Amino acid sequence: MLRRTLSVWSWLPIFLSLAAFPTLVVAWIQEPLHYAALGDSYAAGDGAGPKLLWPSDSACGRFSKAYAYQILNSTDPAFASHWPAFVNNACGGATTHSLLWEQLHLTEHKDLITIQIGGNEADFFLVLNECIQQWHPLSTCDRELTRARNLIESTALLERFDDMLGFVKRRVADGAMVLVLGYPKFFNDKTDQCNSATFSYTNPANVLSNKLRREFNALVVMLNDVIRASAEAHGASYVDIDTAFEGHRFCERGVTEPRADNEDTWFFRETPSQGVATVEELQRGRYDRQSLLVTNSLKKFADLTRTFHPTVNGHAAIAKKIIEAVRVQMQELELLNGPTVHGG
């Protein structure tokens, strides 16, 4: 069988044409990215934009401005129009165990997988209830803080993460980028103005003291340390999203809390509506505790679970962090292997 050999001079017009259109060169060498987003309500985007109404999306509480969708709609020249396949399996309430059983399908041929999980393993919702919101107190803040610390520090949590990430790495394609996200701290714990503010629905004396804010932030840092250690042990990349929230937490300087309408705060904070005691009523003692608990339980549960989740702006900041992490990995792969030709 004869092979046709082209001389260097035969290729010259092609090289000159490509050099004249550098943007085409970028598109030509760039592989399409097949993306799967996995995780809990943070990844699902609880409250960020309009709710998606397909049955599976609605049941999992997925919203259209979650960071996964913002990545897909990015105008970044390195990523725009290069997402031929995408699946968002993130689901509110998910744990490492449910992620394995309910979210890993359709990920075998994905080039990029993002995972954000762990808040439910540490029972953050219960700690928020007892320490911050107190919409239906059942325990005490100190008890729930201690219990959450013990959960995070236990070998069982790290083992669950290791089992989950080990399985994911075996399941996905060789060379797939697996990015594991941490969580952002909720509070600026150094300011003083929150020392007289409360987010409590039932106890106006439960103020957001420096001590309380430091203790809650410390839980987030501890959980992130576990997530990072597990990611690094399994060859995944840890994405630190906490730094993106600097200056956009609760209790920032110059912000008088509670302030639900502050767009510079990148977490949801629901203001009590009619039928639920306002902060002012709580501070004056004008409320019926039993009717308040019933009203909260029936009408405000969904809004209360949304608080402390990122807003649309928060998800945009997370999307930017993920795009930066992907770009770094793509550059590292290009240095190792040379540019890859787009295969269609």
C-alpha atoms as a PDB file:
ATOM      1  CA  MET A   1       0.000   0.000   0.000  1.00  0.00           C
ATOM      2  CA  LEU A   2       1.483   3.299  -1.078  1.00  0.00           C
ATOM      3  CA  ARG A   3       1.461   6.272   1.272  1.00  0.00           C
ATOM      4  CA  ARG A   4       1.257   9.794   0.002  1.00  0.00           C
ATOM      5  CA  THR A   5       3.919  11.995   1.596  1.00  0.00           C
ATOM      6  CA  LEU A   6       3.514  15.773   1.711  1.00  0.00           C
ATOM      7  CA  SER A   7       6.531  18.040   1.815  1.00  0.00           C
ATOM      8  CA  VAL A   8       6.925  20.880   4.286  1.00  0.00           C
ATOM      9  CA  TRP A   9       6.147  23.262   1.422  1.00  0.00           C
ATOM     10  CA  SER A  10       2.812  21.555   0.883  1.00  0.00           C
ATOM     11  CA  TRP A  11       1.779  22.378   4.457  1.00  0.00           C
ATOM     12  CA  LEU A  12       2.943  26.023   4.319  1.00  0.00           C
ATOM     13  CA  PRO A  13      -0.322  27.530   2.953  1.00  0.00           C
ATOM     14  CA  ILE A  14      -2.270  25.774   5.715  1.00  0.00           C
ATOM     15  CA  PHE A  15       0.002  27.132   8.449  1.00  0.00           C
ATOM     16  CA  LEU A  16      -0.203  30.630   7.014  1.00  0.00           C
ATOM     17  CA  SER A  17      -3.999  30.449   6.906  1.00  0.00           C
ATOM     18  CA  LEU A  18      -4.199  29.348  10.519  1.00  0.00           C
ATOM     19  CA  ALA A  19      -1.783  32.064  11.611  1.00  0.00           C
ATOM     20  CA  ALA A  20      -4.063  34.641   9.994  1.00  0.00           C
ATOM     21  CA  PHE A  21      -7.013  33.479  12.080  1.00  0.00           C
ATOM     22  CA  PRO A  22      -5.786  32.898  15.658  1.00  0.00           C
ATOM     23  CA  THR A  23      -9.294  32.518  17.058  1.00  0.00           C
ATOM     24  CA  LEU A  24      -9.871  29.615  14.688  1.00  0.00           C
ATOM     25  CA  VAL A  25      -6.666  28.008  15.919  1.00  0.00           C
ATOM     26  CA  VAL A  26      -7.996  28.100  19.482  1.00  0.00           C
ATOM     27  CA  ALA A  27     -11.249  26.488  18.425  1.00  0.00           C
ATOM     28  CA  TRP A  28      -9.436  23.965  16.238  1.00  0.00           C
ATOM     29  CA  ILE A  29      -7.124  22.665  18.978  1.00  0.00           C
ATOM     30  CA  GLN A  30      -9.723  22.717  21.729  1.00  0.00           C
ATOM     31  CA  GLU A  31     -11.509  19.550  22.736  1.00  0.00           C
ATOM     32  CA  PRO A  32     -15.193  19.832  23.636  1.00  0.00           C
ATOM     33  CA  LEU A  33     -15.937  19.400  27.323  1.00  0.00           C
ATOM     34  CA  HIS A  34     -18.571  16.930  28.458  1.00  0.00           C
ATOM     35  CA  TYR A  35     -19.663  18.095  31.901  1.00  0.00           C
ATOM     36  CA  ALA A  36     -21.476  16.470  34.852  1.00  0.00           C
ATOM     37  CA  ALA A  37     -22.383  18.381  38.031  1.00  0.00           C
ATOM     38  CA  LEU A  38     -22.904  16.325  41.188  1.00  0.00           C
ATOM     39  CA  GLY A  39     -23.666  17.350  44.752  1.00  0.00           C
ATOM     40  CA  ASP A  40     -26.184  18.663  47.253  1.00  0.00           C
ATOM     41  CA  SER A  41     -28.450  21.728  47.401  1.00  0.00           C
ATOM     42  CA  TYR A  42     -25.442  24.046  47.050  1.00  0.00           C
ATOM     43  CA  ALA A  43     -24.658  22.487  43.686  1.00  0.00           C
ATOM     44  CA  ALA A  44     -28.350  22.334  42.760  1.00  0.00           C
ATOM     45  CA  GLY A  45     -28.546  26.097  43.327  1.00  0.00           C
ATOM     46  CA  ASP A  46     -31.381  26.297  45.850  1.00  0.00           C
ATOM     47  CA  GLY A  47     -33.058  29.685  45.277  1.00  0.00           C
ATOM     48  CA  ALA A  48     -30.669  30.916  42.575  1.00  0.00           C
ATOM     49  CA  GLY A  49     -32.878  32.149  39.740  1.00  0.00           C
ATOM     50  CA  PRO A  50     -36.098  30.501  38.511  1.00  0.00           C
ATOM     51  CA  LYS A  51     -36.744  26.952  39.602  1.00  0.00           C
ATOM     52  CA  LEU A  52     -36.428  24.301  36.891  1.00  0.00           C
ATOM     53  CA  LEU A  53     -39.752  22.544  36.412  1.00  0.00           C
ATOM     54  CA  TRP A  54     -38.894  19.212  34.793  1.00  0.00           C
ATOM     55  CA  PRO A  55     -39.976  16.536  37.312  1.00  0.00           C
ATOM     56  CA  SER A  56     -36.445  15.368  38.125  1.00  0.00           C
ATOM     57  CA  ASP A  57     -35.181  18.965  38.402  1.00  0.00           C
ATOM     58  CA  SER A  58     -38.102  20.100  40.521  1.00  0.00           C
ATOM     59  CA  ALA A  59     -37.845  17.136  42.879  1.00  0.00           C
ATOM     60  CA  CYS A  60     -34.155  17.874  43.483  1.00  0.00           C
ATOM     61  CA  GLY A  61     -34.573  21.633  43.817  1.00  0.00           C
ATOM     62  CA  ARG A  62     -32.451  22.649  40.839  1.00  0.00           C
ATOM     63  CA  PHE A  63     -32.438  26.307  39.830  1.00  0.00           C
ATOM     64  CA  SER A  64     -31.473  27.900  36.527  1.00  0.00           C
ATOM     65  CA  LYS A  65     -28.739  30.204  37.899  1.00  0.00           C
ATOM     66  CA  ALA A  66     -26.808  27.492  39.743  1.00  0.00           C
ATOM     67  CA  TYR A  67     -23.097  27.611  38.998  1.00  0.00           C
ATOM     68  CA  ALA A  68     -23.277  24.599  36.666  1.00  0.00           C
ATOM     69  CA  TYR A  69     -25.664  26.462  34.351  1.00  0.00           C
ATOM     70  CA  GLN A  70     -23.676  29.676  34.648  1.00  0.00           C
ATOM     71  CA  ILE A  71     -20.588  27.773  33.497  1.00  0.00           C
ATOM     72  CA  LEU A  72     -22.531  26.478  30.501  1.00  0.00           C
ATOM     73  CA  ASN A  73     -23.596  30.008  29.609  1.00  0.00           C
ATOM     74  CA  SER A  74     -20.163  31.512  30.196  1.00  0.00           C
ATOM     75  CA  THR A  75     -18.869  33.933  27.568  1.00  0.00           C
ATOM     76  CA  ASP A  76     -15.301  33.032  28.495  1.00  0.00           C
ATOM     77  CA  PRO A  77     -13.588  32.436  25.128  1.00  0.00           C
ATOM     78  CA  ALA A  78     -11.995  29.232  26.388  1.00  0.00           C
ATOM     79  CA  PHE A  79     -15.345  27.656  27.214  1.00  0.00           C
ATOM     80  CA  ALA A  80     -18.129  29.247  25.182  1.00  0.00           C
ATOM     81  CA  SER A  81     -19.733  26.835  22.691  1.00  0.00           C
ATOM     82  CA  HIS A  82     -17.670  23.868  23.882  1.00  0.00           C
ATOM     83  CA  TRP A  83     -20.237  21.972  25.945  1.00  0.00           C
ATOM     84  CA  PRO A  84     -21.749  19.322  23.650  1.00  0.00           C
ATOM     85  CA  ALA A  85     -22.934  17.142  26.559  1.00  0.00           C
ATOM     86  CA  PHE A  86     -24.079  18.145  30.042  1.00  0.00           C
ATOM     87  CA  VAL A  87     -25.956  16.575  32.928  1.00  0.00           C
ATOM     88  CA  ASN A  88     -26.820  18.137  36.269  1.00  0.00           C
ATOM     89  CA  ASN A  89     -27.488  15.394  38.814  1.00  0.00           C
ATOM     90  CA  ALA A  90     -27.060  17.563  41.927  1.00  0.00           C
ATOM     91  CA  CYS A  91     -29.907  17.131  44.389  1.00  0.00           C
ATOM     92  CA  GLY A  92     -30.947  18.865  47.588  1.00  0.00           C
ATOM     93  CA  GLY A  93     -30.366  16.751  50.682  1.00  0.00           C
ATOM     94  CA  ALA A  94     -27.723  14.592  48.996  1.00  0.00           C
ATOM     95  CA  THR A  95     -24.955  12.854  50.927  1.00  0.00           C
ATOM     96  CA  THR A  96     -21.852  10.978  49.818  1.00  0.00           C
ATOM     97  CA  HIS A  97     -23.899   7.758  49.969  1.00  0.00           C
ATOM     98  CA  SER A  98     -26.840   9.012  47.885  1.00  0.00           C
ATOM     99  CA  LEU A  99     -24.448  10.591  45.373  1.00  0.00           C
ATOM    100  CA  LEU A 100     -23.014   7.149  44.653  1.00  0.00           C
ATOM    101  CA  TRP A 101     -26.398   5.513  44.190  1.00  0.00           C
ATOM    102  CA  GLU A 102     -28.409   8.277  42.542  1.00  0.00           C
ATOM    103  CA  GLN A 103     -26.069  10.711  40.746  1.00  0.00           C
ATOM    104  CA  LEU A 104     -23.247   8.785  39.104  1.00  0.00           C
ATOM    105  CA  HIS A 105     -25.223   7.560  36.097  1.00  0.00           C
ATOM    106  CA  LEU A 106     -24.353   9.182  32.760  1.00  0.00           C
ATOM    107  CA  THR A 107     -20.913  10.265  33.962  1.00  0.00           C
ATOM    108  CA  GLU A 108     -18.753   7.604  32.307  1.00  0.00           C
ATOM    109  CA  HIS A 109     -17.850   9.680  29.249  1.00  0.00           C
ATOM    110  CA  LYS A 110     -17.629  13.099  30.868  1.00  0.00           C
ATOM    111  CA  ASP A 111     -14.427  15.139  30.681  1.00  0.00           C
ATOM    112  CA  LEU A 112     -15.295  17.373  33.637  1.00  0.00           C
ATOM    113  CA  ILE A 113     -17.042  16.378  36.865  1.00  0.00           C
ATOM    114  CA  THR A 114     -17.691  18.822  39.708  1.00  0.00           C
ATOM    115  CA  ILE A 115     -18.643  17.487  43.140  1.00  0.00           C
ATOM    116  CA  GLN A 116     -19.897  19.512  46.086  1.00  0.00           C
ATOM    117  CA  ILE A 117     -21.065  17.386  48.980  1.00  0.00           C
ATOM    118  CA  GLY A 118     -20.648  17.166  52.747  1.00  0.00           C
ATOM    119  CA  GLY A 119     -22.831  19.845  54.340  1.00  0.00           C
ATOM    120  CA  ASN A 120     -25.561  17.340  55.079  1.00  0.00           C
ATOM    121  CA  GLU A 121     -23.072  14.846  56.567  1.00  0.00           C
ATOM    122  CA  ALA A 122     -22.137  17.516  59.103  1.00  0.00           C
ATOM    123  CA  ASP A 123     -25.827  18.347  59.742  1.00  0.00           C
ATOM    124  CA  PHE A 124     -25.286  22.051  59.081  1.00  0.00           C
ATOM    125  CA  PHE A 125     -29.041  22.592  58.867  1.00  0.00           C
ATOM    126  CA  LEU A 126     -29.538  21.427  62.449  1.00  0.00           C
ATOM    127  CA  VAL A 127     -26.682  23.596  63.704  1.00  0.00           C
ATOM    128  CA  LEU A 128     -28.120  26.616  61.876  1.00  0.00           C
ATOM    129  CA  ASN A 129     -31.494  25.928  63.462  1.00  0.00           C
ATOM    130  CA  GLU A 130     -30.202  25.654  67.007  1.00  0.00           C
ATOM    131  CA  CYS A 131     -27.507  28.331  66.873  1.00  0.00           C
ATOM    132  CA  ILE A 132     -28.673  30.953  64.376  1.00  0.00           C
ATOM    133  CA  GLN A 133     -32.292  30.782  63.184  1.00  0.00           C
ATOM    134  CA  GLN A 134     -33.989  28.907  66.030  1.00  0.00           C
ATOM    135  CA  TRP A 135     -37.202  28.529  64.070  1.00  0.00           C
ATOM    136  CA  HIS A 136     -38.013  25.323  65.937  1.00  0.00           C
ATOM    137  CA  PRO A 137     -35.462  24.694  68.712  1.00  0.00           C
ATOM    138  CA  LEU A 138     -35.209  21.074  69.817  1.00  0.00           C
ATOM    139  CA  SER A 139     -31.737  20.954  71.313  1.00  0.00           C
ATOM    140  CA  THR A 140     -29.131  23.550  72.282  1.00  0.00           C
ATOM    141  CA  CYS A 141     -26.513  25.359  70.249  1.00  0.00           C
ATOM    142  CA  ASP A 142     -23.605  24.018  72.303  1.00  0.00           C
ATOM    143  CA  ARG A 143     -24.856  20.454  71.949  1.00  0.00           C
ATOM    144  CA  GLU A 144     -25.285  20.715  68.166  1.00  0.00           C
ATOM    145  CA  LEU A 145     -21.922  22.408  67.701  1.00  0.00           C
ATOM    146  CA  THR A 146     -20.244  19.620  69.659  1.00  0.00           C
ATOM    147  CA  ARG A 147     -22.116  16.958  67.728  1.00  0.00           C
ATOM    148  CA  ALA A 148     -21.175  18.529  64.367  1.00  0.00           C
ATOM    149  CA  ARG A 149     -17.508  18.772  65.388  1.00  0.00           C
ATOM    150  CA  ASN A 150     -17.516  15.125  66.393  1.00  0.00           C
ATOM    151  CA  LEU A 151     -19.086  14.155  63.049  1.00  0.00           C
ATOM    152  CA  ILE A 152     -16.492  16.086  61.060  1.00  0.00           C
ATOM    153  CA  GLU A 153     -13.547  14.860  63.140  1.00  0.00           C
ATOM    154  CA  SER A 154     -14.664  11.231  63.046  1.00  0.00           C
ATOM    155  CA  THR A 155     -12.796   8.814  60.835  1.00  0.00           C
ATOM    156  CA  ALA A 156     -16.191   7.732  59.487  1.00  0.00           C
ATOM    157  CA  LEU A 157     -16.683  10.980  57.562  1.00  0.00           C
ATOM    158  CA  LEU A 158     -13.268  10.814  55.914  1.00  0.00           C
ATOM    159  CA  GLU A 159     -13.874   7.145  55.095  1.00  0.00           C
ATOM    160  CA  ARG A 160     -17.201   7.996  53.423  1.00  0.00           C
ATOM    161  CA  PHE A 161     -15.509  10.678  51.341  1.00  0.00           C
ATOM    162  CA  ASP A 162     -12.691   8.299  50.434  1.00  0.00           C
ATOM    163  CA  ASP A 163     -15.157   5.578  49.411  1.00  0.00           C
ATOM    164  CA  MET A 164     -17.172   8.041  47.339  1.00  0.00           C
ATOM    165  CA  LEU A 165     -14.220   9.643  45.544  1.00  0.00           C
ATOM    166  CA  GLY A 166     -12.491   6.320  45.006  1.00  0.00           C
ATOM    167  CA  PHE A 167     -15.612   4.985  43.315  1.00  0.00           C
ATOM    168  CA  VAL A 168     -16.045   8.153  41.229  1.00  0.00           C
ATOM    169  CA  LYS A 169     -12.441   8.022  40.006  1.00  0.00           C
ATOM    170  CA  ARG A 170     -12.861   4.382  38.993  1.00  0.00           C
ATOM    171  CA  ARG A 171     -16.142   5.119  37.231  1.00  0.00           C
ATOM    172  CA  VAL A 172     -15.224   8.155  35.134  1.00  0.00           C
ATOM    173  CA  ALA A 173     -13.076   8.160  32.022  1.00  0.00           C
ATOM    174  CA  ASP A 174      -9.301   8.153  32.255  1.00  0.00           C
ATOM    175  CA  GLY A 175      -8.004  11.699  32.240  1.00  0.00           C
ATOM    176  CA  ALA A 176     -11.323  13.229  33.300  1.00  0.00           C
ATOM    177  CA  MET A 177     -11.028  16.363  35.416  1.00  0.00           C
ATOM    178  CA  VAL A 178     -12.653  15.756  38.814  1.00  0.00           C
ATOM    179  CA  LEU A 179     -13.059  18.988  40.776  1.00  0.00           C
ATOM    180  CA  VAL A 180     -14.185  18.770  44.407  1.00  0.00           C
ATOM    181  CA  LEU A 181     -15.578  21.964  45.910  1.00  0.00           C
ATOM    182  CA  GLY A 182     -15.553  23.086  49.505  1.00  0.00           C
ATOM    183  CA  TYR A 183     -17.993  25.480  51.166  1.00  0.00           C
ATOM    184  CA  PRO A 184     -17.762  29.194  51.966  1.00  0.00           C
ATOM    185  CA  LYS A 185     -17.758  30.569  55.503  1.00  0.00           C
ATOM    186  CA  PHE A 186     -21.005  32.411  56.228  1.00  0.00           C
ATOM    187  CA  PHE A 187     -19.833  35.192  58.531  1.00  0.00           C
ATOM    188  CA  ASN A 188     -17.310  37.938  58.898  1.00  0.00           C
ATOM    189  CA  ASP A 189     -16.445  37.075  62.480  1.00  0.00           C
ATOM    190  CA  LYS A 190     -14.267  40.107  63.200  1.00  0.00           C
ATOM    191  CA  THR A 191     -16.816  42.960  63.024  1.00  0.00           C
ATOM    192  CA  ASP A 192     -18.654  44.247  66.088  1.00  0.00           C
ATOM    193  CA  GLN A 193     -22.007  45.510  64.804  1.00  0.00           C
ATOM    194  CA  CYS A 194     -23.509  41.987  64.709  1.00  0.00           C
ATOM    195  CA  ASN A 195     -22.910  41.544  68.427  1.00  0.00           C
ATOM    196  CA  SER A 196     -26.345  43.103  68.964  1.00  0.00           C
ATOM    197  CA  ALA A 197     -28.094  41.576  65.906  1.00  0.00           C
ATOM    198  CA  THR A 198     -30.137  38.389  65.729  1.00  0.00           C
ATOM    199  CA  PHE A 199     -31.354  36.039  63.001  1.00  0.00           C
ATOM    200  CA  SER A 200     -33.437  34.109  65.526  1.00  0.00           C
ATOM    201  CA  TYR A 201     -37.167  33.630  64.982  1.00  0.00           C
ATOM    202  CA  THR A 202     -37.905  32.843  68.630  1.00  0.00           C
ATOM    203  CA  ASN A 203     -35.181  34.304  70.843  1.00  0.00           C
ATOM    204  CA  PRO A 204     -34.108  37.928  70.321  1.00  0.00           C
ATOM    205  CA  ALA A 205     -31.420  37.476  72.958  1.00  0.00           C
ATOM    206  CA  ASN A 206     -29.606  35.024  70.666  1.00  0.00           C
ATOM    207  CA  VAL A 207     -27.256  37.535  69.047  1.00  0.00           C
ATOM    208  CA  LEU A 208     -24.624  36.938  66.377  1.00  0.00           C
ATOM    209  CA  SER A 209     -21.673  37.399  68.694  1.00  0.00           C
ATOM    210  CA  ASN A 210     -18.083  37.158  67.530  1.00  0.00           C
ATOM    211  CA  LYS A 211     -17.787  33.912  69.465  1.00  0.00           C
ATOM    212  CA  LEU A 212     -20.804  32.315  67.783  1.00  0.00           C
ATOM    213  CA  ARG A 213     -19.670  33.425  64.324  1.00  0.00           C
ATOM    214  CA  ARG A 214     -16.140  32.109  64.915  1.00  0.00           C
ATOM    215  CA  GLU A 215     -17.477  28.755  66.077  1.00  0.00           C
ATOM    216  CA  PHE A 216     -19.682  28.332  63.028  1.00  0.00           C
ATOM    217  CA  ASN A 217     -16.944  29.431  60.644  1.00  0.00           C
ATOM    218  CA  ALA A 218     -14.605  26.949  62.307  1.00  0.00           C
ATOM    219  CA  LEU A 219     -17.015  24.123  61.424  1.00  0.00           C
ATOM    220  CA  VAL A 220     -16.880  25.107  57.756  1.00  0.00           C
ATOM    221  CA  VAL A 221     -13.077  25.206  57.809  1.00  0.00           C
ATOM    222  CA  MET A 222     -12.948  21.769  59.469  1.00  0.00           C
ATOM    223  CA  LEU A 223     -15.277  20.270  56.859  1.00  0.00           C
ATOM    224  CA  ASN A 224     -13.280  21.838  54.029  1.00  0.00           C
ATOM    225  CA  ASP A 225     -10.103  20.312  55.457  1.00  0.00           C
ATOM    226  CA  VAL A 226     -11.669  16.841  55.281  1.00  0.00           C
ATOM    227  CA  ILE A 227     -12.895  17.434  51.711  1.00  0.00           C
ATOM    228  CA  ARG A 228      -9.496  18.752  50.603  1.00  0.00           C
ATOM    229  CA  ALA A 229      -7.597  15.845  52.191  1.00  0.00           C
ATOM    230  CA  SER A 230      -9.835  13.274  50.513  1.00  0.00           C
ATOM    231  CA  ALA A 231      -9.648  15.027  47.126  1.00  0.00           C
ATOM    232  CA  GLU A 232      -5.864  15.189  47.194  1.00  0.00           C
ATOM    233  CA  ALA A 233      -5.580  11.550  48.300  1.00  0.00           C
ATOM    234  CA  HIS A 234      -7.569  10.424  45.242  1.00  0.00           C
ATOM    235  CA  GLY A 235      -5.975  12.604  42.594  1.00  0.00           C
ATOM    236  CA  ALA A 236      -8.904  15.014  42.359  1.00  0.00           C
ATOM    237  CA  SER A 237      -8.521  18.789  42.455  1.00  0.00           C
ATOM    238  CA  TYR A 238      -9.858  20.730  45.419  1.00  0.00           C
ATOM    239  CA  VAL A 239     -11.470  24.064  44.531  1.00  0.00           C
ATOM    240  CA  ASP A 240     -11.398  26.620  47.339  1.00  0.00           C
ATOM    241  CA  ILE A 241     -14.506  28.730  46.780  1.00  0.00           C
ATOM    242  CA  ASP A 242     -14.323  30.400  50.204  1.00  0.00           C
ATOM    243  CA  THR A 243     -11.919  33.095  49.038  1.00  0.00           C
ATOM    244  CA  ALA A 244     -14.456  34.225  46.423  1.00  0.00           C
ATOM    245  CA  PHE A 245     -16.846  35.236  49.211  1.00  0.00           C
ATOM    246  CA  GLU A 246     -14.475  37.638  50.949  1.00  0.00           C
ATOM    247  CA  GLY A 247     -16.396  40.851  51.607  1.00  0.00           C
ATOM    248  CA  HIS A 248     -19.732  39.214  50.779  1.00  0.00           C
ATOM    249  CA  ARG A 249     -20.584  37.305  53.957  1.00  0.00           C
ATOM    250  CA  PHE A 250     -23.042  38.155  56.707  1.00  0.00           C
ATOM    251  CA  CYS A 251     -21.963  40.812  59.219  1.00  0.00           C
ATOM    252  CA  GLU A 252     -19.586  42.645  56.886  1.00  0.00           C
ATOM    253  CA  ARG A 253     -18.356  46.059  57.975  1.00  0.00           C
ATOM    254  CA  GLY A 254     -20.959  48.780  57.564  1.00  0.00           C
ATOM    255  CA  VAL A 255     -23.874  46.322  57.152  1.00  0.00           C
ATOM    256  CA  THR A 256     -26.589  46.436  59.792  1.00  0.00           C
ATOM    257  CA  GLU A 257     -28.016  42.923  60.129  1.00  0.00           C
ATOM    258  CA  PRO A 258     -30.531  41.453  59.578  1.00  0.00           C
ATOM    259  CA  ARG A 259     -30.548  42.812  56.028  1.00  0.00           C
ATOM    260  CA  ALA A 260     -32.241  40.561  53.458  1.00  0.00           C
ATOM    261  CA  ASP A 261     -32.065  43.063  50.590  1.00  0.00           C
ATOM    262  CA  ASN A 262     -28.303  43.597  50.553  1.00  0.00           C
ATOM    263  CA  GLU A 263     -27.043  42.484  47.128  1.00  0.00           C
ATOM    264  CA  ASP A 264     -23.454  42.563  48.376  1.00  0.00           C
ATOM    265  CA  THR A 265     -24.264  39.643  50.686  1.00  0.00           C
ATOM    266  CA  TRP A 266     -24.002  36.502  48.593  1.00  0.00           C
ATOM    267  CA  PHE A 267     -26.138  34.290  50.828  1.00  0.00           C
ATOM    268  CA  PHE A 268     -29.913  34.137  51.084  1.00  0.00           C
ATOM    269  CA  ARG A 269     -31.431  35.563  54.232  1.00  0.00           C
ATOM    270  CA  GLU A 270     -35.233  35.398  54.370  1.00  0.00           C
ATOM    271  CA  THR A 271     -37.076  38.192  56.164  1.00  0.00           C
ATOM    272  CA  PRO A 272     -39.973  36.881  58.277  1.00  0.00           C
ATOM    273  CA  SER A 273     -43.256  37.517  56.453  1.00  0.00           C
ATOM    274  CA  GLN A 274     -46.823  37.960  57.621  1.00  0.00           C
ATOM    275  CA  GLY A 275     -47.781  35.353  60.178  1.00  0.00           C
ATOM    276  CA  VAL A 276     -44.208  35.013  61.428  1.00  0.00           C
ATOM    277  CA  ALA A 277     -42.820  37.318  64.069  1.00  0.00           C
ATOM    278  CA  THR A 278     -40.568  40.068  62.779  1.00  0.00           C
ATOM    279  CA  VAL A 279     -37.294  40.863  64.489  1.00  0.00           C
ATOM    280  CA  GLU A 280     -38.836  44.020  65.902  1.00  0.00           C
ATOM    281  CA  GLU A 281     -41.759  42.042  67.363  1.00  0.00           C
ATOM    282  CA  LEU A 282     -39.364  39.518  68.830  1.00  0.00           C
ATOM    283  CA  GLN A 283     -37.344  42.261  70.448  1.00  0.00           C
ATOM    284  CA  ARG A 284     -40.524  43.765  71.938  1.00  0.00           C
ATOM    285  CA  GLY A 285     -41.701  40.331  73.069  1.00  0.00           C
ATOM    286  CA  ARG A 286     -44.943  40.529  71.050  1.00  0.00           C
ATOM    287  CA  TYR A 287     -45.424  36.992  69.787  1.00  0.00           C
ATOM    288  CA  ASP A 288     -47.189  33.750  70.645  1.00  0.00           C
ATOM    289  CA  ARG A 289     -44.445  31.101  70.795  1.00  0.00           C
ATOM    290  CA  GLN A 290     -46.687  28.102  70.005  1.00  0.00           C
ATOM    291  CA  SER A 291     -48.463  29.701  67.044  1.00  0.00           C
ATOM    292  CA  LEU A 292     -45.099  30.941  65.788  1.00  0.00           C
ATOM    293  CA  LEU A 293     -43.669  27.423  65.764  1.00  0.00           C
ATOM    294  CA  VAL A 294     -46.690  26.046  63.893  1.00  0.00           C
ATOM    295  CA  THR A 295     -46.615  28.885  61.370  1.00  0.00           C
ATOM    296  CA  ASN A 296     -42.906  28.407  60.738  1.00  0.00           C
ATOM    297  CA  SER A 297     -43.267  24.665  60.396  1.00  0.00           C
ATOM    298  CA  LEU A 298     -46.048  24.856  57.815  1.00  0.00           C
ATOM    299  CA  LYS A 299     -45.266  27.965  55.796  1.00  0.00           C
ATOM    300  CA  LYS A 300     -41.629  28.898  56.096  1.00  0.00           C
ATOM    301  CA  PHE A 301     -39.748  25.619  55.933  1.00  0.00           C
ATOM    302  CA  ALA A 302     -38.755  25.951  52.275  1.00  0.00           C
ATOM    303  CA  ASP A 303     -37.541  29.518  52.733  1.00  0.00           C
ATOM    304  CA  LEU A 304     -35.674  28.609  55.892  1.00  0.00           C
ATOM    305  CA  THR A 305     -33.826  25.767  54.179  1.00  0.00           C
ATOM    306  CA  ARG A 306     -32.777  28.204  51.449  1.00  0.00           C
ATOM    307  CA  THR A 307     -31.090  30.633  53.813  1.00  0.00           C
ATOM    308  CA  PHE A 308     -27.297  30.472  53.926  1.00  0.00           C
ATOM    309  CA  HIS A 309     -27.248  29.131  50.361  1.00  0.00           C
ATOM    310  CA  PRO A 310     -25.497  31.255  47.708  1.00  0.00           C
ATOM    311  CA  THR A 311     -27.428  33.839  45.736  1.00  0.00           C
ATOM    312  CA  VAL A 312     -27.088  34.230  41.961  1.00  0.00           C
ATOM    313  CA  ASN A 313     -24.037  36.430  42.547  1.00  0.00           C
ATOM    314  CA  GLY A 314     -22.552  33.787  44.818  1.00  0.00           C
ATOM    315  CA  HIS A 315     -23.036  31.121  42.163  1.00  0.00           C
ATOM    316  CA  ALA A 316     -21.413  33.399  39.581  1.00  0.00           C
ATOM    317  CA  ALA A 317     -18.358  33.647  41.834  1.00  0.00           C
ATOM    318  CA  ILE A 318     -18.262  29.849  42.222  1.00  0.00           C
ATOM    319  CA  ALA A 319     -18.568  29.390  38.446  1.00  0.00           C
ATOM    320  CA  LYS A 320     -15.605  31.708  37.962  1.00  0.00           C
ATOM    321  CA  LYS A 321     -13.526  29.653  40.413  1.00  0.00           C
ATOM    322  CA  ILE A 322     -14.381  26.443  38.558  1.00  0.00           C
ATOM    323  CA  ILE A 323     -13.542  27.960  35.161  1.00  0.00           C
ATOM    324  CA  GLU A 324     -10.184  29.121  36.545  1.00  0.00           C
ATOM    325  CA  ALA A 325      -9.463  25.624  37.879  1.00  0.00           C
ATOM    326  CA  VAL A 326     -10.380  24.005  34.550  1.00  0.00           C
ATOM    327  CA  ARG A 327      -8.206  26.434  32.615  1.00  0.00           C
ATOM    328  CA  VAL A 328      -5.222  25.646  34.857  1.00  0.00           C
ATOM    329  CA  GLN A 329      -5.683  21.919  34.287  1.00  0.00           C
ATOM    330  CA  MET A 330      -6.083  22.358  30.534  1.00  0.00           C
ATOM    331  CA  GLN A 331      -2.864  24.391  30.407  1.00  0.00           C
ATOM    332  CA  GLU A 332      -1.026  21.752  32.438  1.00  0.00           C
ATOM    333  CA  LEU A 333      -2.262  18.996  30.113  1.00  0.00           C
ATOM    334  CA  GLU A 334      -1.219  20.999  27.064  1.00  0.00           C
ATOM    335  CA  LEU A 335       2.280  21.458  28.486  1.00  0.00           C
ATOM    336  CA  LEU A 336       2.551  17.722  29.116  1.00  0.00           C
ATOM    337  CA  ASN A 337       0.942  16.400  25.949  1.00  0.00           C
ATOM    338  CA  GLY A 338       0.962  19.268  23.482  1.00  0.00           C
ATOM    339  CA  PRO A 339      -2.221  20.805  22.011  1.00  0.00           C
ATOM    340  CA  THR A 340      -4.983  18.356  21.174  1.00  0.00           C
ATOM    341  CA  VAL A 341      -6.790  18.578  17.849  1.00  0.00           C
ATOM    342  CA  HIS A 342     -10.529  19.053  18.063  1.00  0.00           C
ATOM    343  CA  GLY A 343     -12.046  15.773  16.967  1.00  0.00           C
ATOM    344  CA  GLY A 344     -15.643  16.864  16.419  1.00  0.00           C
END
